[in-house]
């Protein structure tokens, strides 16, 4: 579902003709087939990956048969929504993305950026979450960071979680769809929690399973086994002093790990004492989007 009926200022005033029969939410990028049935652009795109028929009347339906419903789109985009950060703002649905960039409440919670055109970002999916994997030097994201040098909290970082696009949250397929929309206005990201632990092997194995994906080479913890890390975790007084599954290692003994797994893995295997810096996803928020 792209936008829930309950997300709008006047849910009771939303008629059935503005509701998608696939997701039961308000139409978003509405498309109509030759049979006359309308659906959200994302919903019907996903449907046609597994079927060649209209989900309502079963008439044959292909992607090239679809046409945009401009009038319905304008009606849906004109519906009033309130800011999810509860700052007091209310406006049209198609104005939410622009507001997210300037929201006085959201500014202090997460990072919302306005980037036009190709992002130049390689995304990764980890445990159902979309993350920033790497930034290409010539992309708009890298240019944005260059314009915000010295403001680390306002820069796009490796392992940032993609929370929403134009104020709309969803799973990675929906976020991918929204990121590729030509009318995209804003992207909201959440920086990961940055933690560090000290590990001494003392003759034991490190006891950790790691993976990394190309081209990014970000080391991800798949699991902890009997060894020095498990011993550390057992004695740690706080979860922040434990290394656990899905944590992303970014630095060992002051050396950056991103993009260097072939160098780091032998170091972990042969060394005895380590300061391991890692990122952990922030699963909770002080405000719901």
C-alpha atoms as a PDB file:
ATOM      1  CA  UNK A   1       0.000   0.000   0.000  1.00  0.00           C
ATOM      2  CA  UNK A   2       1.365   3.408  -0.976  1.00  0.00           C
ATOM      3  CA  UNK A   3      -0.913   5.758   1.007  1.00  0.00           C
ATOM      4  CA  UNK A   4      -3.495   4.579   3.540  1.00  0.00           C
ATOM      5  CA  UNK A   5      -6.936   6.147   3.635  1.00  0.00           C
ATOM      6  CA  UNK A   6      -6.347   6.817   7.349  1.00  0.00           C
ATOM      7  CA  UNK A   7      -3.300   8.955   6.519  1.00  0.00           C
ATOM      8  CA  UNK A   8      -5.486  11.747   5.154  1.00  0.00           C
ATOM      9  CA  UNK A   9      -7.100  14.614   7.030  1.00  0.00           C
ATOM     10  CA  UNK A  10     -10.651  13.544   6.064  1.00  0.00           C
ATOM     11  CA  UNK A  11     -10.778   9.748   5.577  1.00  0.00           C
ATOM     12  CA  UNK A  12     -14.586   9.752   5.541  1.00  0.00           C
ATOM     13  CA  UNK A  13     -14.585  12.062   2.530  1.00  0.00           C
ATOM     14  CA  UNK A  14     -12.570   9.683   0.330  1.00  0.00           C
ATOM     15  CA  UNK A  15     -14.905   7.933  -2.097  1.00  0.00           C
ATOM     16  CA  UNK A  16     -14.505   4.393  -3.428  1.00  0.00           C
ATOM     17  CA  UNK A  17     -13.596   5.711  -6.879  1.00  0.00           C
ATOM     18  CA  UNK A  18     -10.323   7.017  -5.405  1.00  0.00           C
ATOM     19  CA  UNK A  19      -9.336   3.696  -3.809  1.00  0.00           C
ATOM     20  CA  UNK A  20      -7.161   1.030  -5.441  1.00  0.00           C
ATOM     21  CA  UNK A  21      -8.743  -2.432  -5.385  1.00  0.00           C
ATOM     22  CA  UNK A  22      -5.350  -4.133  -5.013  1.00  0.00           C
ATOM     23  CA  UNK A  23      -3.935  -2.298  -1.981  1.00  0.00           C
ATOM     24  CA  UNK A  24      -7.177  -0.625  -0.743  1.00  0.00           C
ATOM     25  CA  UNK A  25      -5.243   2.631  -0.355  1.00  0.00           C
ATOM     26  CA  UNK A  26      -5.759   5.940  -2.151  1.00  0.00           C
ATOM     27  CA  UNK A  27      -4.594   5.809  -5.787  1.00  0.00           C
ATOM     28  CA  UNK A  28      -0.950   6.733  -6.323  1.00  0.00           C
ATOM     29  CA  UNK A  29       0.190   7.248  -9.920  1.00  0.00           C
ATOM     30  CA  UNK A  30      -3.162   5.751 -11.067  1.00  0.00           C
ATOM     31  CA  UNK A  31      -3.142   3.703 -14.270  1.00  0.00           C
ATOM     32  CA  UNK A  32      -6.116   2.412 -16.258  1.00  0.00           C
ATOM     33  CA  UNK A  33      -6.287  -0.681 -18.449  1.00  0.00           C
ATOM     34  CA  UNK A  34      -8.248  -1.110 -21.677  1.00  0.00           C
ATOM     35  CA  UNK A  35     -10.944  -2.788 -19.603  1.00  0.00           C
ATOM     36  CA  UNK A  36     -11.480   0.461 -17.686  1.00  0.00           C
ATOM     37  CA  UNK A  37     -10.242  -0.705 -14.291  1.00  0.00           C
ATOM     38  CA  UNK A  38      -7.829   1.547 -12.406  1.00  0.00           C
ATOM     39  CA  UNK A  39      -4.963   0.690 -10.069  1.00  0.00           C
ATOM     40  CA  UNK A  40      -1.958   2.324  -8.400  1.00  0.00           C
ATOM     41  CA  UNK A  41       1.024   2.380 -10.753  1.00  0.00           C
ATOM     42  CA  UNK A  42       3.139   0.410  -8.288  1.00  0.00           C
ATOM     43  CA  UNK A  43       0.379  -2.099  -7.493  1.00  0.00           C
ATOM     44  CA  UNK A  44      -0.345  -3.011 -11.109  1.00  0.00           C
ATOM     45  CA  UNK A  45       3.383  -3.079 -11.931  1.00  0.00           C
ATOM     46  CA  UNK A  46       3.893  -5.722  -9.242  1.00  0.00           C
ATOM     47  CA  UNK A  47       0.748  -7.610 -10.292  1.00  0.00           C
ATOM     48  CA  UNK A  48       1.843  -7.867 -13.925  1.00  0.00           C
ATOM     49  CA  UNK A  49       5.078  -9.536 -12.850  1.00  0.00           C
ATOM     50  CA  UNK A  50       3.048 -12.656 -12.062  1.00  0.00           C
ATOM     51  CA  UNK A  51      -0.077 -12.328 -14.204  1.00  0.00           C
ATOM     52  CA  UNK A  52      -1.158 -11.125 -17.663  1.00  0.00           C
ATOM     53  CA  UNK A  53      -4.770 -10.478 -16.704  1.00  0.00           C
ATOM     54  CA  UNK A  54      -6.688  -7.705 -14.961  1.00  0.00           C
ATOM     55  CA  UNK A  55      -7.062  -8.593 -11.262  1.00  0.00           C
ATOM     56  CA  UNK A  56     -10.749  -7.613 -11.356  1.00  0.00           C
ATOM     57  CA  UNK A  57     -12.272  -8.802 -14.635  1.00  0.00           C
ATOM     58  CA  UNK A  58      -9.511 -11.185 -15.805  1.00  0.00           C
ATOM     59  CA  UNK A  59      -9.305  -9.470 -19.208  1.00  0.00           C
ATOM     60  CA  UNK A  60      -5.887  -9.744 -20.841  1.00  0.00           C
ATOM     61  CA  UNK A  61      -3.652  -6.935 -19.621  1.00  0.00           C
ATOM     62  CA  UNK A  62      -0.082  -5.941 -20.452  1.00  0.00           C
ATOM     63  CA  UNK A  63       2.062  -3.039 -19.271  1.00  0.00           C
ATOM     64  CA  UNK A  64       1.835  -1.347 -22.667  1.00  0.00           C
ATOM     65  CA  UNK A  65      -1.977  -1.354 -22.373  1.00  0.00           C
ATOM     66  CA  UNK A  66      -1.923   0.961 -19.353  1.00  0.00           C
ATOM     67  CA  UNK A  67      -2.570   4.696 -19.512  1.00  0.00           C
ATOM     68  CA  UNK A  68      -2.244   7.395 -16.874  1.00  0.00           C
ATOM     69  CA  UNK A  69      -5.441   8.664 -15.221  1.00  0.00           C
ATOM     70  CA  UNK A  70      -4.619  12.368 -15.069  1.00  0.00           C
ATOM     71  CA  UNK A  71      -7.960  13.505 -13.622  1.00  0.00           C
ATOM     72  CA  UNK A  72      -8.018  10.866 -10.877  1.00  0.00           C
ATOM     73  CA  UNK A  73      -4.382  11.569 -10.101  1.00  0.00           C
ATOM     74  CA  UNK A  74      -5.096  15.266  -9.595  1.00  0.00           C
ATOM     75  CA  UNK A  75      -7.996  14.454  -7.260  1.00  0.00           C
ATOM     76  CA  UNK A  76      -5.861  12.100  -5.166  1.00  0.00           C
ATOM     77  CA  UNK A  77      -2.822  14.387  -5.088  1.00  0.00           C
ATOM     78  CA  UNK A  78      -5.075  17.237  -3.965  1.00  0.00           C
ATOM     79  CA  UNK A  79      -6.287  15.417  -0.852  1.00  0.00           C
ATOM     80  CA  UNK A  80      -5.092  16.988   2.396  1.00  0.00           C
ATOM     81  CA  UNK A  81      -2.497  15.244   4.573  1.00  0.00           C
ATOM     82  CA  UNK A  82      -0.871  16.267   7.858  1.00  0.00           C
ATOM     83  CA  UNK A  83       2.869  16.131   8.528  1.00  0.00           C
ATOM     84  CA  UNK A  84       3.874  12.742   9.944  1.00  0.00           C
ATOM     85  CA  UNK A  85       6.225  14.553  12.343  1.00  0.00           C
ATOM     86  CA  UNK A  86       3.192  16.386  13.770  1.00  0.00           C
ATOM     87  CA  UNK A  87       4.694  19.829  13.272  1.00  0.00           C
ATOM     88  CA  UNK A  88       1.258  21.284  12.502  1.00  0.00           C
ATOM     89  CA  UNK A  89       1.671  21.500   8.721  1.00  0.00           C
ATOM     90  CA  UNK A  90      -1.145  20.288   6.475  1.00  0.00           C
ATOM     91  CA  UNK A  91      -1.275  20.345   2.693  1.00  0.00           C
ATOM     92  CA  UNK A  92      -1.819  18.466  -0.549  1.00  0.00           C
ATOM     93  CA  UNK A  93      -0.393  14.975  -0.861  1.00  0.00           C
ATOM     94  CA  UNK A  94       1.894  16.037  -3.698  1.00  0.00           C
ATOM     95  CA  UNK A  95       3.343  18.773  -1.444  1.00  0.00           C
ATOM     96  CA  UNK A  96       4.400  16.399   1.348  1.00  0.00           C
ATOM     97  CA  UNK A  97       7.777  15.586  -0.212  1.00  0.00           C
ATOM     98  CA  UNK A  98       8.779  19.232  -0.419  1.00  0.00           C
ATOM     99  CA  UNK A  99       7.584  19.861   3.137  1.00  0.00           C
ATOM    100  CA  UNK A 100       9.693  16.974   4.479  1.00  0.00           C
ATOM    101  CA  UNK A 101      12.842  18.841   3.398  1.00  0.00           C
ATOM    102  CA  UNK A 102      11.876  21.898   5.442  1.00  0.00           C
ATOM    103  CA  UNK A 103       9.984  20.356   8.375  1.00  0.00           C
ATOM    104  CA  UNK A 104      11.264  22.016  11.589  1.00  0.00           C
ATOM    105  CA  UNK A 105      10.635  18.834  13.608  1.00  0.00           C
ATOM    106  CA  UNK A 106      11.926  16.230  11.163  1.00  0.00           C
ATOM    107  CA  UNK A 107      15.146  18.215  10.664  1.00  0.00           C
ATOM    108  CA  UNK A 108      16.339  17.208  14.136  1.00  0.00           C
ATOM    109  CA  UNK A 109      15.333  13.540  13.872  1.00  0.00           C
ATOM    110  CA  UNK A 110      16.407  12.230  10.461  1.00  0.00           C
ATOM    111  CA  UNK A 111      18.067  13.505   7.287  1.00  0.00           C
ATOM    112  CA  UNK A 112      15.799  14.527   4.427  1.00  0.00           C
ATOM    113  CA  UNK A 113      17.484  15.530   1.177  1.00  0.00           C
ATOM    114  CA  UNK A 114      16.206  16.925  -2.102  1.00  0.00           C
ATOM    115  CA  UNK A 115      18.085  15.437  -5.046  1.00  0.00           C
ATOM    116  CA  UNK A 116      17.073  15.805  -8.686  1.00  0.00           C
ATOM    117  CA  UNK A 117      17.980  13.276 -11.350  1.00  0.00           C
ATOM    118  CA  UNK A 118      20.121  10.145 -10.968  1.00  0.00           C
ATOM    119  CA  UNK A 119      21.241   9.649  -7.377  1.00  0.00           C
ATOM    120  CA  UNK A 120      24.493   7.824  -8.007  1.00  0.00           C
ATOM    121  CA  UNK A 121      23.799   5.522  -5.055  1.00  0.00           C
ATOM    122  CA  UNK A 122      24.132   1.749  -4.886  1.00  0.00           C
ATOM    123  CA  UNK A 123      21.533   0.419  -2.461  1.00  0.00           C
ATOM    124  CA  UNK A 124      21.589  -2.838  -0.503  1.00  0.00           C
ATOM    125  CA  UNK A 125      18.794  -4.822   1.107  1.00  0.00           C
ATOM    126  CA  UNK A 126      19.544  -6.161   4.595  1.00  0.00           C
ATOM    127  CA  UNK A 127      16.882  -7.954   6.628  1.00  0.00           C
ATOM    128  CA  UNK A 128      14.123  -6.274   4.635  1.00  0.00           C
ATOM    129  CA  UNK A 129      15.649  -2.804   5.017  1.00  0.00           C
ATOM    130  CA  UNK A 130      17.036  -0.651   2.194  1.00  0.00           C
ATOM    131  CA  UNK A 131      20.488   0.761   2.968  1.00  0.00           C
ATOM    132  CA  UNK A 132      22.958   3.061   1.254  1.00  0.00           C
ATOM    133  CA  UNK A 133      25.737   0.725   0.085  1.00  0.00           C
ATOM    134  CA  UNK A 134      28.031   3.108  -1.770  1.00  0.00           C
ATOM    135  CA  UNK A 135      28.041   6.490  -3.479  1.00  0.00           C
ATOM    136  CA  UNK A 136      29.408   7.037  -6.971  1.00  0.00           C
ATOM    137  CA  UNK A 137      31.722  10.019  -7.233  1.00  0.00           C
ATOM    138  CA  UNK A 138      29.819  11.647 -10.099  1.00  0.00           C
ATOM    139  CA  UNK A 139      26.319  11.146  -8.693  1.00  0.00           C
ATOM    140  CA  UNK A 140      24.015  13.777  -7.216  1.00  0.00           C
ATOM    141  CA  UNK A 141      24.374  12.232  -3.750  1.00  0.00           C
ATOM    142  CA  UNK A 142      28.149  12.763  -3.774  1.00  0.00           C
ATOM    143  CA  UNK A 143      27.683  16.331  -4.985  1.00  0.00           C
ATOM    144  CA  UNK A 144      25.229  16.916  -2.162  1.00  0.00           C
ATOM    145  CA  UNK A 145      27.831  15.662   0.328  1.00  0.00           C
ATOM    146  CA  UNK A 146      30.491  17.928  -1.156  1.00  0.00           C
ATOM    147  CA  UNK A 147      28.180  20.888  -0.631  1.00  0.00           C
ATOM    148  CA  UNK A 148      27.824  19.870   3.035  1.00  0.00           C
ATOM    149  CA  UNK A 149      31.468  19.250   3.886  1.00  0.00           C
ATOM    150  CA  UNK A 150      32.117  19.594   7.602  1.00  0.00           C
ATOM    151  CA  UNK A 151      28.472  18.734   8.399  1.00  0.00           C
ATOM    152  CA  UNK A 152      28.672  14.975   8.860  1.00  0.00           C
ATOM    153  CA  UNK A 153      25.169  14.680  10.327  1.00  0.00           C
ATOM    154  CA  UNK A 154      23.770  16.366   7.205  1.00  0.00           C
ATOM    155  CA  UNK A 155      25.626  14.113   4.769  1.00  0.00           C
ATOM    156  CA  UNK A 156      24.483  10.879   3.144  1.00  0.00           C
ATOM    157  CA  UNK A 157      26.480   8.077   4.747  1.00  0.00           C
ATOM    158  CA  UNK A 158      27.224   4.426   4.083  1.00  0.00           C
ATOM    159  CA  UNK A 159      24.661   2.217   5.885  1.00  0.00           C
ATOM    160  CA  UNK A 160      22.045   4.982   6.066  1.00  0.00           C
ATOM    161  CA  UNK A 161      18.561   3.463   6.031  1.00  0.00           C
ATOM    162  CA  UNK A 162      16.088   4.704   3.425  1.00  0.00           C
ATOM    163  CA  UNK A 163      13.024   5.503   5.534  1.00  0.00           C
ATOM    164  CA  UNK A 164      10.728   7.173   3.043  1.00  0.00           C
ATOM    165  CA  UNK A 165      10.471   8.901  -0.313  1.00  0.00           C
ATOM    166  CA  UNK A 166       8.254  11.988  -0.452  1.00  0.00           C
ATOM    167  CA  UNK A 167       7.038  11.062   3.028  1.00  0.00           C
ATOM    168  CA  UNK A 168       5.905   7.581   1.944  1.00  0.00           C
ATOM    169  CA  UNK A 169       7.294   4.561   3.773  1.00  0.00           C
ATOM    170  CA  UNK A 170       7.289   1.014   2.472  1.00  0.00           C
ATOM    171  CA  UNK A 171       9.261  -2.121   1.757  1.00  0.00           C
ATOM    172  CA  UNK A 172      12.289  -2.080  -0.587  1.00  0.00           C
ATOM    173  CA  UNK A 173      10.275  -2.744  -3.803  1.00  0.00           C
ATOM    174  CA  UNK A 174       7.985   0.222  -3.105  1.00  0.00           C
ATOM    175  CA  UNK A 175      10.885   2.470  -2.102  1.00  0.00           C
ATOM    176  CA  UNK A 176      12.712   1.499  -5.301  1.00  0.00           C
ATOM    177  CA  UNK A 177       9.635   2.443  -7.335  1.00  0.00           C
ATOM    178  CA  UNK A 178       9.380   5.802  -5.560  1.00  0.00           C
ATOM    179  CA  UNK A 179      13.090   6.541  -5.954  1.00  0.00           C
ATOM    180  CA  UNK A 180      12.803   6.136  -9.726  1.00  0.00           C
ATOM    181  CA  UNK A 181       9.824   8.475 -10.097  1.00  0.00           C
ATOM    182  CA  UNK A 182      10.781  11.542 -12.192  1.00  0.00           C
ATOM    183  CA  UNK A 183       8.708  13.766  -9.889  1.00  0.00           C
ATOM    184  CA  UNK A 184      10.514  12.625  -6.737  1.00  0.00           C
ATOM    185  CA  UNK A 185      11.000  15.543  -4.333  1.00  0.00           C
ATOM    186  CA  UNK A 186      12.663  14.185  -1.193  1.00  0.00           C
ATOM    187  CA  UNK A 187      14.352  11.177   0.387  1.00  0.00           C
ATOM    188  CA  UNK A 188      14.425  10.654   4.147  1.00  0.00           C
ATOM    189  CA  UNK A 189      17.364   8.714   5.582  1.00  0.00           C
ATOM    190  CA  UNK A 190      18.231   7.514   9.069  1.00  0.00           C
ATOM    191  CA  UNK A 191      21.860   7.346  10.143  1.00  0.00           C
ATOM    192  CA  UNK A 192      22.860   4.075  11.822  1.00  0.00           C
ATOM    193  CA  UNK A 193      24.005   3.894  15.409  1.00  0.00           C
ATOM    194  CA  UNK A 194      27.815   3.893  15.553  1.00  0.00           C
ATOM    195  CA  UNK A 195      29.294   1.627  18.244  1.00  0.00           C
ATOM    196  CA  UNK A 196      32.674   0.144  19.165  1.00  0.00           C
ATOM    197  CA  UNK A 197      34.008  -2.769  21.222  1.00  0.00           C
ATOM    198  CA  UNK A 198      37.443  -3.928  22.386  1.00  0.00           C
ATOM    199  CA  UNK A 199      38.231  -7.596  21.758  1.00  0.00           C
ATOM    200  CA  UNK A 200      41.215  -9.655  22.967  1.00  0.00           C
ATOM    201  CA  UNK A 201      41.368 -13.221  21.628  1.00  0.00           C
ATOM    202  CA  UNK A 202      43.545 -14.660  24.425  1.00  0.00           C
ATOM    203  CA  UNK A 203      44.296 -17.729  22.373  1.00  0.00           C
ATOM    204  CA  UNK A 204      40.692 -18.246  21.269  1.00  0.00           C
ATOM    205  CA  UNK A 205      39.188 -17.959  17.829  1.00  0.00           C
ATOM    206  CA  UNK A 206      37.340 -14.750  17.112  1.00  0.00           C
ATOM    207  CA  UNK A 207      34.125 -16.719  16.596  1.00  0.00           C
ATOM    208  CA  UNK A 208      32.273 -14.758  13.941  1.00  0.00           C
ATOM    209  CA  UNK A 209      30.705 -15.418  10.539  1.00  0.00           C
ATOM    210  CA  UNK A 210      30.978 -12.536   8.079  1.00  0.00           C
ATOM    211  CA  UNK A 211      29.735 -11.789   4.588  1.00  0.00           C
ATOM    212  CA  UNK A 212      30.214  -8.952   2.160  1.00  0.00           C
ATOM    213  CA  UNK A 213      28.641  -8.033  -1.119  1.00  0.00           C
ATOM    214  CA  UNK A 214      30.327  -6.605  -4.177  1.00  0.00           C
ATOM    215  CA  UNK A 215      30.985  -3.901  -5.210  1.00  0.00           C
ATOM    216  CA  UNK A 216      30.568  -2.325  -1.777  1.00  0.00           C
ATOM    217  CA  UNK A 217      32.530  -4.750   0.366  1.00  0.00           C
ATOM    218  CA  UNK A 218      30.777  -3.867   3.633  1.00  0.00           C
ATOM    219  CA  UNK A 219      31.394  -6.575   6.222  1.00  0.00           C
ATOM    220  CA  UNK A 220      28.146  -7.832   7.736  1.00  0.00           C
ATOM    221  CA  UNK A 221      27.937 -10.074  10.795  1.00  0.00           C
ATOM    222  CA  UNK A 222      25.962 -13.224   9.949  1.00  0.00           C
ATOM    223  CA  UNK A 223      26.349 -14.816  13.351  1.00  0.00           C
ATOM    224  CA  UNK A 224      28.473 -15.204  16.475  1.00  0.00           C
ATOM    225  CA  UNK A 225      29.963 -18.582  17.429  1.00  0.00           C
ATOM    226  CA  UNK A 226      31.915 -19.801  20.478  1.00  0.00           C
ATOM    227  CA  UNK A 227      35.013 -17.653  20.794  1.00  0.00           C
ATOM    228  CA  UNK A 228      36.312 -14.282  21.922  1.00  0.00           C
ATOM    229  CA  UNK A 229      33.342 -12.251  20.685  1.00  0.00           C
ATOM    230  CA  UNK A 230      30.787 -14.556  22.319  1.00  0.00           C
ATOM    231  CA  UNK A 231      32.742 -14.277  25.575  1.00  0.00           C
ATOM    232  CA  UNK A 232      32.699 -10.484  25.265  1.00  0.00           C
ATOM    233  CA  UNK A 233      28.971 -10.470  24.572  1.00  0.00           C
ATOM    234  CA  UNK A 234      28.277 -12.623  27.632  1.00  0.00           C
ATOM    235  CA  UNK A 235      30.134 -10.248  29.946  1.00  0.00           C
ATOM    236  CA  UNK A 236      28.946  -6.980  28.368  1.00  0.00           C
ATOM    237  CA  UNK A 237      26.780  -4.837  30.619  1.00  0.00           C
ATOM    238  CA  UNK A 238      24.969  -3.194  27.699  1.00  0.00           C
ATOM    239  CA  UNK A 239      23.719  -4.337  24.255  1.00  0.00           C
ATOM    240  CA  UNK A 240      25.759  -1.466  22.815  1.00  0.00           C
ATOM    241  CA  UNK A 241      28.904  -3.338  23.886  1.00  0.00           C
ATOM    242  CA  UNK A 242      27.912  -6.506  22.040  1.00  0.00           C
ATOM    243  CA  UNK A 243      28.610  -7.402  18.422  1.00  0.00           C
ATOM    244  CA  UNK A 244      25.649  -9.257  16.975  1.00  0.00           C
ATOM    245  CA  UNK A 245      23.955 -10.457  13.824  1.00  0.00           C
ATOM    246  CA  UNK A 246      23.460  -7.837  11.072  1.00  0.00           C
ATOM    247  CA  UNK A 247      25.917  -5.359  12.586  1.00  0.00           C
ATOM    248  CA  UNK A 248      28.102  -3.802   9.848  1.00  0.00           C
ATOM    249  CA  UNK A 249      31.828  -3.495  10.596  1.00  0.00           C
ATOM    250  CA  UNK A 250      33.283  -0.216   9.333  1.00  0.00           C
ATOM    251  CA  UNK A 251      36.651   0.073  11.086  1.00  0.00           C
ATOM    252  CA  UNK A 252      39.227  -2.157  12.809  1.00  0.00           C
ATOM    253  CA  UNK A 253      42.084  -0.693  14.838  1.00  0.00           C
ATOM    254  CA  UNK A 254      41.583   2.656  13.160  1.00  0.00           C
ATOM    255  CA  UNK A 255      41.610   1.267   9.612  1.00  0.00           C
ATOM    256  CA  UNK A 256      38.527   1.688   7.447  1.00  0.00           C
ATOM    257  CA  UNK A 257      36.917  -1.569   6.311  1.00  0.00           C
ATOM    258  CA  UNK A 258      34.469  -0.405   3.671  1.00  0.00           C
ATOM    259  CA  UNK A 259      35.549  -1.746   0.304  1.00  0.00           C
ATOM    260  CA  UNK A 260      38.520  -3.650   1.790  1.00  0.00           C
ATOM    261  CA  UNK A 261      37.188  -7.050   2.953  1.00  0.00           C
ATOM    262  CA  UNK A 262      40.016  -9.005   1.328  1.00  0.00           C
ATOM    263  CA  UNK A 263      42.469  -7.072   3.510  1.00  0.00           C
ATOM    264  CA  UNK A 264      40.430  -7.014   6.719  1.00  0.00           C
ATOM    265  CA  UNK A 265      39.442 -10.687   6.973  1.00  0.00           C
ATOM    266  CA  UNK A 266      43.069 -11.948   7.178  1.00  0.00           C
ATOM    267  CA  UNK A 267      43.749  -9.218   9.743  1.00  0.00           C
ATOM    268  CA  UNK A 268      40.925 -10.496  11.950  1.00  0.00           C
ATOM    269  CA  UNK A 269      42.111 -14.068  11.574  1.00  0.00           C
ATOM    270  CA  UNK A 270      45.749 -13.334  12.435  1.00  0.00           C
ATOM    271  CA  UNK A 271      45.529 -10.523  14.992  1.00  0.00           C
ATOM    272  CA  UNK A 272      45.071 -10.777  18.762  1.00  0.00           C
ATOM    273  CA  UNK A 273      43.579  -7.483  19.953  1.00  0.00           C
ATOM    274  CA  UNK A 274      41.067  -5.303  18.155  1.00  0.00           C
ATOM    275  CA  UNK A 275      39.028  -2.165  18.471  1.00  0.00           C
ATOM    276  CA  UNK A 276      36.063  -2.887  16.220  1.00  0.00           C
ATOM    277  CA  UNK A 277      33.832  -0.018  15.156  1.00  0.00           C
ATOM    278  CA  UNK A 278      30.483  -0.965  13.631  1.00  0.00           C
ATOM    279  CA  UNK A 279      27.094   0.312  12.554  1.00  0.00           C
ATOM    280  CA  UNK A 280      23.765  -0.951  13.870  1.00  0.00           C
ATOM    281  CA  UNK A 281      20.384  -0.155  12.359  1.00  0.00           C
ATOM    282  CA  UNK A 282      18.140   2.086  14.415  1.00  0.00           C
ATOM    283  CA  UNK A 283      14.921   0.100  14.439  1.00  0.00           C
ATOM    284  CA  UNK A 284      12.807   2.540  16.417  1.00  0.00           C
ATOM    285  CA  UNK A 285      11.869   6.170  15.959  1.00  0.00           C
ATOM    286  CA  UNK A 286      10.618   8.871  18.293  1.00  0.00           C
ATOM    287  CA  UNK A 287       7.927   9.621  15.700  1.00  0.00           C
ATOM    288  CA  UNK A 288       6.175   7.372  13.213  1.00  0.00           C
ATOM    289  CA  UNK A 289       6.236   8.195   9.516  1.00  0.00           C
END
